[in-house]
PDB file of all heavy atoms in Angstrom:
ATOM      1  N   VAL A   1     -11.547   0.606  -6.688  1.00  0.00           N
ATOM      2  CA  VAL A   1     -11.890   1.500  -7.785  1.00  0.00           C
ATOM      3  C   VAL A   1     -11.123   2.818  -7.748  1.00  0.00           C
ATOM      4  O   VAL A   1     -11.292   3.635  -8.652  1.00  0.00           O
ATOM      5  CB  VAL A   1     -13.409   1.790  -7.827  1.00  0.00           C
ATOM      6  CG1 VAL A   1     -14.205   0.491  -7.788  1.00  0.00           C
ATOM      7  CG2 VAL A   1     -13.833   2.729  -6.705  1.00  0.00           C
ATOM      8  N   LYS A   2     -10.300   3.004  -6.748  1.00  0.00           N
ATOM      9  CA  LYS A   2      -9.544   4.252  -6.643  1.00  0.00           C
ATOM     10  C   LYS A   2      -8.670   4.454  -7.868  1.00  0.00           C
ATOM     11  O   LYS A   2      -7.984   3.555  -8.317  1.00  0.00           O
ATOM     12  CB  LYS A   2      -8.668   4.246  -5.384  1.00  0.00           C
ATOM     13  CG  LYS A   2      -9.447   4.406  -4.097  1.00  0.00           C
ATOM     14  CD  LYS A   2      -8.519   4.408  -2.884  1.00  0.00           C
ATOM     15  CE  LYS A   2      -9.295   4.594  -1.602  1.00  0.00           C
ATOM     16  NZ  LYS A   2      -8.423   4.534  -0.406  1.00  0.00           N
ATOM     17  N   GLY A   3      -8.734   5.657  -8.407  1.00  0.00           N
ATOM     18  CA  GLY A   3      -7.979   5.972  -9.603  1.00  0.00           C
ATOM     19  C   GLY A   3      -8.689   5.618 -10.884  1.00  0.00           C
ATOM     20  O   GLY A   3      -8.223   6.001 -11.972  1.00  0.00           O
ATOM     21  N   ARG A   4      -9.784   4.897 -10.800  1.00  0.00           N
ATOM     22  CA  ARG A   4     -10.529   4.483 -11.993  1.00  0.00           C
ATOM     23  C   ARG A   4     -11.936   5.083 -12.045  1.00  0.00           C
ATOM     24  O   ARG A   4     -12.443   5.369 -13.131  1.00  0.00           O
ATOM     25  CB  ARG A   4     -10.627   2.963 -12.060  1.00  0.00           C
ATOM     26  CG  ARG A   4      -9.275   2.277 -12.124  1.00  0.00           C
ATOM     27  CD  ARG A   4      -9.420   0.783 -12.430  1.00  0.00           C
ATOM     28  NE  ARG A   4     -10.197   0.071 -11.396  1.00  0.00           N
ATOM     29  CZ  ARG A   4     -11.358  -0.510 -11.616  1.00  0.00           C
ATOM     30  NH1 ARG A   4     -11.922  -0.481 -12.822  1.00  0.00           N
ATOM     31  NH2 ARG A   4     -11.990  -1.138 -10.626  1.00  0.00           N
ATOM     32  N   PHE A   5     -12.568   5.254 -10.897  1.00  0.00           N
ATOM     33  CA  PHE A   5     -13.915   5.784 -10.837  1.00  0.00           C
ATOM     34  C   PHE A   5     -13.891   7.192 -10.236  1.00  0.00           C
ATOM     35  O   PHE A   5     -13.059   7.495  -9.370  1.00  0.00           O
ATOM     36  CB  PHE A   5     -14.824   4.917  -9.967  1.00  0.00           C
ATOM     37  CG  PHE A   5     -15.139   3.559 -10.530  1.00  0.00           C
ATOM     38  CD1 PHE A   5     -14.531   3.080 -11.689  1.00  0.00           C
ATOM     39  CD2 PHE A   5     -16.045   2.743  -9.879  1.00  0.00           C
ATOM     40  CE1 PHE A   5     -14.822   1.835 -12.201  1.00  0.00           C
ATOM     41  CE2 PHE A   5     -16.354   1.479 -10.364  1.00  0.00           C
ATOM     42  CZ  PHE A   5     -15.745   1.027 -11.517  1.00  0.00           C
ATOM     43  N   THR A   6     -14.821   8.021 -10.672  1.00  0.00           N
ATOM     44  CA  THR A   6     -14.953   9.373 -10.145  1.00  0.00           C
ATOM     45  C   THR A   6     -16.404   9.691  -9.873  1.00  0.00           C
ATOM     46  O   THR A   6     -17.242   9.607 -10.769  1.00  0.00           O
ATOM     47  CB  THR A   6     -14.388  10.414 -11.128  1.00  0.00           C
ATOM     48  OG1 THR A   6     -13.032  10.096 -11.462  1.00  0.00           O
ATOM     49  CG2 THR A   6     -14.426  11.803 -10.506  1.00  0.00           C
ATOM     50  N   ILE A   7     -16.698  10.030  -8.624  1.00  0.00           N
ATOM     51  CA  ILE A   7     -18.054  10.407  -8.257  1.00  0.00           C
ATOM     52  C   ILE A   7     -18.157  11.930  -8.239  1.00  0.00           C
ATOM     53  O   ILE A   7     -17.228  12.630  -7.812  1.00  0.00           O
ATOM     54  CB  ILE A   7     -18.454   9.812  -6.895  1.00  0.00           C
ATOM     55  CG1 ILE A   7     -19.932  10.059  -6.591  1.00  0.00           C
ATOM     56  CG2 ILE A   7     -17.557  10.341  -5.779  1.00  0.00           C
ATOM     57  CD1 ILE A   7     -20.441   9.327  -5.360  1.00  0.00           C
ATOM     58  N   SER A   8     -19.277  12.443  -8.685  1.00  0.00           N
ATOM     59  CA  SER A   8     -19.515  13.886  -8.672  1.00  0.00           C
ATOM     60  C   SER A   8     -21.006  14.154  -8.553  1.00  0.00           C
ATOM     61  O   SER A   8     -21.821  13.268  -8.789  1.00  0.00           O
ATOM     62  CB  SER A   8     -18.926  14.564  -9.919  1.00  0.00           C
ATOM     63  OG  SER A   8     -19.545  14.081 -11.093  1.00  0.00           O
ATOM     64  N   ARG A   9     -21.340  15.368  -8.189  1.00  0.00           N
ATOM     65  CA  ARG A   9     -22.746  15.748  -8.086  1.00  0.00           C
ATOM     66  C   ARG A   9     -22.941  17.124  -8.680  1.00  0.00           C
ATOM     67  O   ARG A   9     -22.083  18.005  -8.566  1.00  0.00           O
ATOM     68  CB  ARG A   9     -23.225  15.710  -6.629  1.00  0.00           C
ATOM     69  CG  ARG A   9     -22.503  16.676  -5.686  1.00  0.00           C
ATOM     70  CD  ARG A   9     -22.796  16.370  -4.225  1.00  0.00           C
ATOM     71  NE  ARG A   9     -24.181  16.644  -3.859  1.00  0.00           N
ATOM     72  CZ  ARG A   9     -24.735  16.286  -2.691  1.00  0.00           C
ATOM     73  NH1 ARG A   9     -23.997  15.607  -1.802  1.00  0.00           N
ATOM     74  NH2 ARG A   9     -25.986  16.576  -2.439  1.00  0.00           N
ATOM     75  N   ASP A  10     -24.078  17.310  -9.320  1.00  0.00           N
ATOM     76  CA  ASP A  10     -24.454  18.580  -9.885  1.00  0.00           C
ATOM     77  C   ASP A  10     -25.806  18.935  -9.296  1.00  0.00           C
ATOM     78  O   ASP A  10     -26.842  18.466  -9.783  1.00  0.00           O
ATOM     79  CB  ASP A  10     -24.503  18.524 -11.404  1.00  0.00           C
ATOM     80  CG  ASP A  10     -24.703  19.887 -12.046  1.00  0.00           C
ATOM     81  OD1 ASP A  10     -25.277  20.778 -11.394  1.00  0.00           O
ATOM     82  OD2 ASP A  10     -24.285  20.061 -13.206  1.00  0.00           O
ATOM     83  N   ASN A  11     -25.798  19.729  -8.255  1.00  0.00           N
ATOM     84  CA  ASN A  11     -27.046  20.063  -7.566  1.00  0.00           C
ATOM     85  C   ASN A  11     -28.027  20.793  -8.474  1.00  0.00           C
ATOM     86  O   ASN A  11     -29.238  20.585  -8.375  1.00  0.00           O
ATOM     87  CB  ASN A  11     -26.755  20.900  -6.327  1.00  0.00           C
ATOM     88  CG  ASN A  11     -26.043  20.127  -5.238  1.00  0.00           C
ATOM     89  OD1 ASN A  11     -25.981  18.890  -5.260  1.00  0.00           O
ATOM     90  ND2 ASN A  11     -25.498  20.834  -4.263  1.00  0.00           N
ATOM     91  N   ALA A  12     -27.510  21.653  -9.332  1.00  0.00           N
ATOM     92  CA  ALA A  12     -28.378  22.408 -10.220  1.00  0.00           C
ATOM     93  C   ALA A  12     -29.137  21.511 -11.185  1.00  0.00           C
ATOM     94  O   ALA A  12     -30.241  21.830 -11.607  1.00  0.00           O
ATOM     95  CB  ALA A  12     -27.563  23.443 -11.005  1.00  0.00           C
ATOM     96  N   LYS A  13     -28.527  20.393 -11.530  1.00  0.00           N
ATOM     97  CA  LYS A  13     -29.166  19.443 -12.442  1.00  0.00           C
ATOM     98  C   LYS A  13     -29.833  18.279 -11.721  1.00  0.00           C
ATOM     99  O   LYS A  13     -30.328  17.362 -12.362  1.00  0.00           O
ATOM    100  CB  LYS A  13     -28.135  18.905 -13.440  1.00  0.00           C
ATOM    101  CG  LYS A  13     -27.577  19.960 -14.386  1.00  0.00           C
ATOM    102  CD  LYS A  13     -26.596  19.364 -15.377  1.00  0.00           C
ATOM    103  CE  LYS A  13     -26.072  20.425 -16.325  1.00  0.00           C
ATOM    104  NZ  LYS A  13     -25.112  19.853 -17.303  1.00  0.00           N
ATOM    105  N   ASN A  14     -29.803  18.309 -10.401  1.00  0.00           N
ATOM    106  CA  ASN A  14     -30.416  17.257  -9.590  1.00  0.00           C
ATOM    107  C   ASN A  14     -29.874  15.889  -9.964  1.00  0.00           C
ATOM    108  O   ASN A  14     -30.622  14.905 -10.017  1.00  0.00           O
ATOM    109  CB  ASN A  14     -31.932  17.278  -9.737  1.00  0.00           C
ATOM    110  CG  ASN A  14     -32.560  18.572  -9.293  1.00  0.00           C
ATOM    111  OD1 ASN A  14     -32.189  19.114  -8.248  1.00  0.00           O
ATOM    112  ND2 ASN A  14     -33.514  19.080 -10.066  1.00  0.00           N
ATOM    113  N   THR A  15     -28.582  15.830 -10.184  1.00  0.00           N
ATOM    114  CA  THR A  15     -27.996  14.606 -10.710  1.00  0.00           C
ATOM    115  C   THR A  15     -26.686  14.239 -10.006  1.00  0.00           C
ATOM    116  O   THR A  15     -25.846  15.103  -9.738  1.00  0.00           O
ATOM    117  CB  THR A  15     -27.737  14.728 -12.215  1.00  0.00           C
ATOM    118  OG1 THR A  15     -28.969  15.068 -12.868  1.00  0.00           O
ATOM    119  CG2 THR A  15     -27.230  13.418 -12.787  1.00  0.00           C
ATOM    120  N   LEU A  16     -26.543  12.981  -9.728  1.00  0.00           N
ATOM    121  CA  LEU A  16     -25.322  12.383  -9.225  1.00  0.00           C
ATOM    122  C   LEU A  16     -24.704  11.572 -10.349  1.00  0.00           C
ATOM    123  O   LEU A  16     -25.414  10.915 -11.116  1.00  0.00           O
ATOM    124  CB  LEU A  16     -25.634  11.472  -8.042  1.00  0.00           C
ATOM    125  CG  LEU A  16     -24.509  10.599  -7.493  1.00  0.00           C
ATOM    126  CD1 LEU A  16     -23.498  11.464  -6.736  1.00  0.00           C
ATOM    127  CD2 LEU A  16     -25.079   9.503  -6.594  1.00  0.00           C
ATOM    128  N   TYR A  17     -23.382  11.605 -10.452  1.00  0.00           N
ATOM    129  CA  TYR A  17     -22.689  10.896 -11.521  1.00  0.00           C
ATOM    130  C   TYR A  17     -21.644   9.938 -10.967  1.00  0.00           C
ATOM    131  O   TYR A  17     -21.097  10.137  -9.880  1.00  0.00           O
ATOM    132  CB  TYR A  17     -21.972  11.868 -12.452  1.00  0.00           C
ATOM    133  CG  TYR A  17     -22.860  12.876 -13.112  1.00  0.00           C
ATOM    134  CD1 TYR A  17     -22.981  14.161 -12.595  1.00  0.00           C
ATOM    135  CD2 TYR A  17     -23.571  12.557 -14.258  1.00  0.00           C
ATOM    136  CE1 TYR A  17     -23.781  15.113 -13.213  1.00  0.00           C
ATOM    137  CE2 TYR A  17     -24.386  13.495 -14.878  1.00  0.00           C
ATOM    138  CZ  TYR A  17     -24.492  14.774 -14.351  1.00  0.00           C
ATOM    139  OH  TYR A  17     -25.297  15.699 -14.966  1.00  0.00           O
ATOM    140  N   LEU A  18     -21.356   8.923 -11.738  1.00  0.00           N
ATOM    141  CA  LEU A  18     -20.219   8.068 -11.486  1.00  0.00           C
ATOM    142  C   LEU A  18     -19.539   7.787 -12.819  1.00  0.00           C
ATOM    143  O   LEU A  18     -20.124   7.118 -13.678  1.00  0.00           O
ATOM    144  CB  LEU A  18     -20.611   6.758 -10.796  1.00  0.00           C
ATOM    145  CG  LEU A  18     -19.440   5.854 -10.398  1.00  0.00           C
ATOM    146  CD1 LEU A  18     -18.637   6.497  -9.273  1.00  0.00           C
ATOM    147  CD2 LEU A  18     -19.940   4.470  -9.964  1.00  0.00           C
ATOM    148  N   GLN A  19     -18.347   8.298 -12.974  1.00  0.00           N
ATOM    149  CA  GLN A  19     -17.550   8.033 -14.159  1.00  0.00           C
ATOM    150  C   GLN A  19     -16.709   6.802 -13.917  1.00  0.00           C
ATOM    151  O   GLN A  19     -15.950   6.737 -12.950  1.00  0.00           O
ATOM    152  CB  GLN A  19     -16.644   9.231 -14.480  1.00  0.00           C
ATOM    153  CG  GLN A  19     -15.709   9.022 -15.664  1.00  0.00           C
ATOM    154  CD  GLN A  19     -16.442   8.942 -16.985  1.00  0.00           C
ATOM    155  OE1 GLN A  19     -17.410   9.652 -17.198  1.00  0.00           O
ATOM    156  NE2 GLN A  19     -15.977   8.060 -17.870  1.00  0.00           N
ATOM    157  N   LEU A  20     -16.862   5.813 -14.775  1.00  0.00           N
ATOM    158  CA  LEU A  20     -16.147   4.557 -14.656  1.00  0.00           C
ATOM    159  C   LEU A  20     -15.159   4.445 -15.799  1.00  0.00           C
ATOM    160  O   LEU A  20     -15.555   4.397 -16.965  1.00  0.00           O
ATOM    161  CB  LEU A  20     -17.092   3.351 -14.676  1.00  0.00           C
ATOM    162  CG  LEU A  20     -18.148   3.201 -13.570  1.00  0.00           C
ATOM    163  CD1 LEU A  20     -19.326   4.125 -13.808  1.00  0.00           C
ATOM    164  CD2 LEU A  20     -18.627   1.757 -13.539  1.00  0.00           C
ATOM    165  N   ASP A  21     -13.891   4.427 -15.476  1.00  0.00           N
ATOM    166  CA  ASP A  21     -12.833   4.305 -16.476  1.00  0.00           C
ATOM    167  C   ASP A  21     -12.019   3.038 -16.199  1.00  0.00           C
ATOM    168  O   ASP A  21     -12.033   2.499 -15.106  1.00  0.00           O
ATOM    169  CB  ASP A  21     -11.920   5.515 -16.460  1.00  0.00           C
ATOM    170  CG  ASP A  21     -12.602   6.799 -16.859  1.00  0.00           C
ATOM    171  OD1 ASP A  21     -13.400   6.781 -17.810  1.00  0.00           O
ATOM    172  OD2 ASP A  21     -12.336   7.844 -16.217  1.00  0.00           O
ATOM    173  N   SER A  22     -11.293   2.611 -17.223  1.00  0.00           N
ATOM    174  CA  SER A  22     -10.435   1.430 -17.103  1.00  0.00           C
ATOM    175  C   SER A  22     -11.196   0.255 -16.507  1.00  0.00           C
ATOM    176  O   SER A  22     -10.721  -0.411 -15.577  1.00  0.00           O
ATOM    177  CB  SER A  22      -9.194   1.758 -16.267  1.00  0.00           C
ATOM    178  OG  SER A  22      -8.460   2.815 -16.825  1.00  0.00           O
ATOM    179  N   LEU A  23     -12.355  -0.007 -17.047  1.00  0.00           N
ATOM    180  CA  LEU A  23     -13.227  -1.018 -16.480  1.00  0.00           C
ATOM    181  C   LEU A  23     -12.628  -2.410 -16.588  1.00  0.00           C
ATOM    182  O   LEU A  23     -11.973  -2.751 -17.560  1.00  0.00           O
ATOM    183  CB  LEU A  23     -14.589  -0.979 -17.161  1.00  0.00           C
ATOM    184  CG  LEU A  23     -15.486   0.160 -16.682  1.00  0.00           C
ATOM    185  CD1 LEU A  23     -16.623   0.397 -17.661  1.00  0.00           C
ATOM    186  CD2 LEU A  23     -16.049  -0.159 -15.296  1.00  0.00           C
ATOM    187  N   GLU A  24     -12.880  -3.191 -15.568  1.00  0.00           N
ATOM    188  CA  GLU A  24     -12.420  -4.567 -15.472  1.00  0.00           C
ATOM    189  C   GLU A  24     -13.622  -5.485 -15.371  1.00  0.00           C
ATOM    190  O   GLU A  24     -14.720  -5.054 -15.017  1.00  0.00           O
ATOM    191  CB  GLU A  24     -11.517  -4.734 -14.251  1.00  0.00           C
ATOM    192  CG  GLU A  24     -10.333  -3.777 -14.245  1.00  0.00           C
ATOM    193  CD  GLU A  24      -9.609  -3.740 -12.909  1.00  0.00           C
ATOM    194  OE1 GLU A  24     -10.083  -4.389 -11.937  1.00  0.00           O
ATOM    195  OE2 GLU A  24      -8.570  -3.064 -12.830  1.00  0.00           O
ATOM    196  N   THR A  25     -13.422  -6.761 -15.664  1.00  0.00           N
ATOM    197  CA  THR A  25     -14.519  -7.716 -15.577  1.00  0.00           C
ATOM    198  C   THR A  25     -15.102  -7.752 -14.177  1.00  0.00           C
ATOM    199  O   THR A  25     -16.311  -7.990 -14.006  1.00  0.00           O
ATOM    200  CB  THR A  25     -14.087  -9.122 -16.004  1.00  0.00           C
ATOM    201  OG1 THR A  25     -12.964  -9.545 -15.196  1.00  0.00           O
ATOM    202  CG2 THR A  25     -13.665  -9.127 -17.467  1.00  0.00           C
ATOM    203  N   GLU A  26     -14.271  -7.530 -13.178  1.00  0.00           N
ATOM    204  CA  GLU A  26     -14.728  -7.550 -11.795  1.00  0.00           C
ATOM    205  C   GLU A  26     -15.674  -6.407 -11.456  1.00  0.00           C
ATOM    206  O   GLU A  26     -16.311  -6.413 -10.404  1.00  0.00           O
ATOM    207  CB  GLU A  26     -13.518  -7.505 -10.845  1.00  0.00           C
ATOM    208  CG  GLU A  26     -12.654  -8.758 -10.863  1.00  0.00           C
ATOM    209  CD  GLU A  26     -11.680  -8.790 -12.049  1.00  0.00           C
ATOM    210  OE1 GLU A  26     -11.579  -7.798 -12.786  1.00  0.00           O
ATOM    211  OE2 GLU A  26     -11.012  -9.830 -12.202  1.00  0.00           O
ATOM    212  N   ASP A  27     -15.757  -5.425 -12.340  1.00  0.00           N
ATOM    213  CA  ASP A  27     -16.665  -4.304 -12.130  1.00  0.00           C
ATOM    214  C   ASP A  27     -18.100  -4.622 -12.558  1.00  0.00           C
ATOM    215  O   ASP A  27     -19.000  -3.812 -12.332  1.00  0.00           O
ATOM    216  CB  ASP A  27     -16.186  -3.069 -12.876  1.00  0.00           C
ATOM    217  CG  ASP A  27     -14.839  -2.558 -12.372  1.00  0.00           C
ATOM    218  OD1 ASP A  27     -14.631  -2.523 -11.142  1.00  0.00           O
ATOM    219  OD2 ASP A  27     -13.998  -2.201 -13.223  1.00  0.00           O
ATOM    220  N   THR A  28     -18.292  -5.748 -13.192  1.00  0.00           N
ATOM    221  CA  THR A  28     -19.627  -6.141 -13.635  1.00  0.00           C
ATOM    222  C   THR A  28     -20.551  -6.274 -12.433  1.00  0.00           C
ATOM    223  O   THR A  28     -20.290  -7.027 -11.507  1.00  0.00           O
ATOM    224  CB  THR A  28     -19.587  -7.458 -14.397  1.00  0.00           C
ATOM    225  OG1 THR A  28     -18.817  -7.292 -15.601  1.00  0.00           O
ATOM    226  CG2 THR A  28     -20.982  -7.930 -14.765  1.00  0.00           C
ATOM    227  N   ALA A  29     -21.644  -5.524 -12.459  1.00  0.00           N
ATOM    228  CA  ALA A  29     -22.592  -5.527 -11.345  1.00  0.00           C
ATOM    229  C   ALA A  29     -23.771  -4.630 -11.677  1.00  0.00           C
ATOM    230  O   ALA A  29     -23.748  -3.881 -12.659  1.00  0.00           O
ATOM    231  CB  ALA A  29     -21.910  -5.022 -10.067  1.00  0.00           C
ATOM    232  N   LEU A  30     -24.780  -4.708 -10.848  1.00  0.00           N
ATOM    233  CA  LEU A  30     -25.881  -3.757 -10.878  1.00  0.00           C
ATOM    234  C   LEU A  30     -25.482  -2.595  -9.967  1.00  0.00           C
ATOM    235  O   LEU A  30     -25.204  -2.812  -8.779  1.00  0.00           O
ATOM    236  CB  LEU A  30     -27.170  -4.408 -10.395  1.00  0.00           C
ATOM    237  CG  LEU A  30     -28.445  -3.586 -10.509  1.00  0.00           C
ATOM    238  CD1 LEU A  30     -28.777  -3.298 -11.962  1.00  0.00           C
ATOM    239  CD2 LEU A  30     -29.605  -4.305  -9.846  1.00  0.00           C
ATOM    240  N   TYR A  31     -25.462  -1.400 -10.499  1.00  0.00           N
ATOM    241  CA  TYR A  31     -25.028  -0.231  -9.761  1.00  0.00           C
ATOM    242  C   TYR A  31     -26.230   0.573  -9.282  1.00  0.00           C
ATOM    243  O   TYR A  31     -27.122   0.907 -10.067  1.00  0.00           O
ATOM    244  CB  TYR A  31     -24.125   0.639 -10.628  1.00  0.00           C
ATOM    245  CG  TYR A  31     -22.733   0.101 -10.770  1.00  0.00           C
ATOM    246  CD1 TYR A  31     -22.477  -1.043 -11.520  1.00  0.00           C
ATOM    247  CD2 TYR A  31     -21.644   0.715 -10.126  1.00  0.00           C
ATOM    248  CE1 TYR A  31     -21.205  -1.560 -11.634  1.00  0.00           C
ATOM    249  CE2 TYR A  31     -20.373   0.217 -10.253  1.00  0.00           C
ATOM    250  CZ  TYR A  31     -20.148  -0.931 -11.001  1.00  0.00           C
ATOM    251  OH  TYR A  31     -18.866  -1.442 -11.118  1.00  0.00           O
ATOM    252  N   TYR A  32     -26.220   0.908  -8.002  1.00  0.00           N
ATOM    253  CA  TYR A  32     -27.289   1.667  -7.374  1.00  0.00           C
ATOM    254  C   TYR A  32     -26.779   3.016  -6.870  1.00  0.00           C
ATOM    255  O   TYR A  32     -25.663   3.113  -6.385  1.00  0.00           O
ATOM    256  CB  TYR A  32     -27.842   0.932  -6.148  1.00  0.00           C
ATOM    257  CG  TYR A  32     -28.403  -0.444  -6.377  1.00  0.00           C
ATOM    258  CD1 TYR A  32     -27.586  -1.563  -6.352  1.00  0.00           C
ATOM    259  CD2 TYR A  32     -29.764  -0.606  -6.591  1.00  0.00           C
ATOM    260  CE1 TYR A  32     -28.105  -2.826  -6.539  1.00  0.00           C
ATOM    261  CE2 TYR A  32     -30.296  -1.872  -6.770  1.00  0.00           C
ATOM    262  CZ  TYR A  32     -29.466  -2.977  -6.749  1.00  0.00           C
ATOM    263  OH  TYR A  32     -29.981  -4.236  -6.921  1.00  0.00           O
ATOM    264  N   CYS A  33     -27.614   4.023  -6.948  1.00  0.00           N
ATOM    265  CA  CYS A  33     -27.322   5.258  -6.255  1.00  0.00           C
ATOM    266  C   CYS A  33     -28.185   5.324  -5.001  1.00  0.00           C
ATOM    267  O   CYS A  33     -29.230   4.708  -4.922  1.00  0.00           O
ATOM    268  CB  CYS A  33     -27.550   6.488  -7.138  1.00  0.00           C
ATOM    269  SG  CYS A  33     -29.219   6.690  -7.780  1.00  0.00           S
ATOM    270  N   ALA A  34     -27.719   6.085  -4.016  1.00  0.00           N
ATOM    271  CA  ALA A  34     -28.411   6.176  -2.752  1.00  0.00           C
ATOM    272  C   ALA A  34     -28.112   7.496  -2.079  1.00  0.00           C
ATOM    273  O   ALA A  34     -27.129   8.160  -2.397  1.00  0.00           O
ATOM    274  CB  ALA A  34     -27.994   5.019  -1.831  1.00  0.00           C
TER     275      ALA A  34
END
């Protein structure tokens, strides 16, 4: 996923993000945060 996904966090908003770009069929999955 290097170059396609971007992880970030916003502590003030109590939120973790994952930006998924240039998605491929192989990216199909259930995504979990931890």
